[in-house]
Amino acid sequence: MKRELNVSIKFSNAEEDWVVNVWDSGSGFRIPELEEYYLDKESCYGYVNSLKNNPKYIVSFNE
């Protein structure tokens, strides 16, 4: 069974980098083990695409 995820990209002022936030669509809980930090927004898009291409997940992306 595929896990449904909600994904967003945000700039973290505290960390001064970009973060990919991930939530379980059903429960609404964050999934910290799938969240990643990057120095640039383009790298975030690459990670989001890798989640989309992973057969274990159905990804809803909200920028």
Protein backbone atom coordinates (compact mmCIF):
# COMPACT_ATOMS: atom_id res chain seq x y z
CA MET A 1 0.00 0.00 0.00
CA LYS A 2 1.32 3.44 -0.94
CA ARG A 3 1.71 6.08 1.73
CA GLU A 4 0.12 9.43 0.87
CA LEU A 5 2.30 12.45 1.64
CA ASN A 6 1.85 16.22 1.65
CA VAL A 7 5.10 18.01 0.84
CA SER A 8 6.08 21.68 0.95
CA ILE A 9 9.26 23.73 0.54
CA LYS A 10 9.97 26.61 2.91
CA PHE A 11 12.91 28.89 3.64
CA SER A 12 14.09 28.54 7.23
CA ASN A 13 15.22 31.90 8.60
CA ALA A 14 16.56 30.25 11.74
CA GLU A 15 18.72 27.78 9.80
CA GLU A 16 19.26 30.06 6.77
CA ASP A 17 18.52 27.23 4.37
CA TRP A 18 15.62 25.52 2.60
CA VAL A 19 13.60 22.74 4.17
CA VAL A 20 11.35 20.13 2.57
CA ASN A 21 8.52 19.50 5.06
CA VAL A 22 6.65 16.19 4.83
CA TRP A 23 3.32 15.19 6.44
CA ASP A 24 1.26 12.03 6.34
CA SER A 25 -1.91 12.92 4.39
CA GLY A 26 -4.15 10.71 6.52
CA SER A 27 -2.99 11.56 10.03
CA GLY A 28 -1.62 15.05 9.40
CA PHE A 29 1.51 14.22 11.41
CA ARG A 30 4.92 15.38 10.23
CA ILE A 31 7.39 12.73 9.11
CA PRO A 32 10.79 14.07 10.29
CA GLU A 33 12.73 11.12 8.87
CA LEU A 34 11.66 12.17 5.36
CA GLU A 35 12.34 15.90 5.83
CA GLU A 36 15.53 17.31 4.31
CA TYR A 37 17.48 20.60 4.43
CA TYR A 38 19.29 22.14 1.45
CA LEU A 39 21.27 25.29 0.70
CA ASP A 40 19.25 26.08 -2.44
CA LYS A 41 15.66 25.71 -3.56
CA GLU A 42 16.58 23.78 -6.73
CA SER A 43 17.98 20.92 -4.62
CA CYS A 44 14.66 20.80 -2.77
CA TYR A 45 12.84 20.27 -6.07
CA GLY A 46 15.19 17.38 -6.84
CA TYR A 47 14.34 15.75 -3.53
CA VAL A 48 10.59 16.29 -4.03
CA ASN A 49 10.88 14.67 -7.46
CA SER A 50 12.68 11.69 -5.92
CA LEU A 51 9.78 11.28 -3.48
CA LYS A 52 7.30 11.51 -6.37
CA ASN A 53 9.22 8.83 -8.28
CA ASN A 54 9.38 6.50 -5.27
CA PRO A 55 6.78 3.74 -5.75
CA LYS A 56 6.08 3.69 -1.99
CA TYR A 57 4.54 7.19 -1.99
CA ILE A 58 1.75 9.27 -3.49
CA VAL A 59 2.93 12.87 -3.18
CA SER A 60 0.87 16.07 -3.09
CA PHE A 61 3.29 18.97 -3.49
CA ASN A 62 2.37 22.44 -2.20
CA GLU A 63 5.01 25.09 -2.75
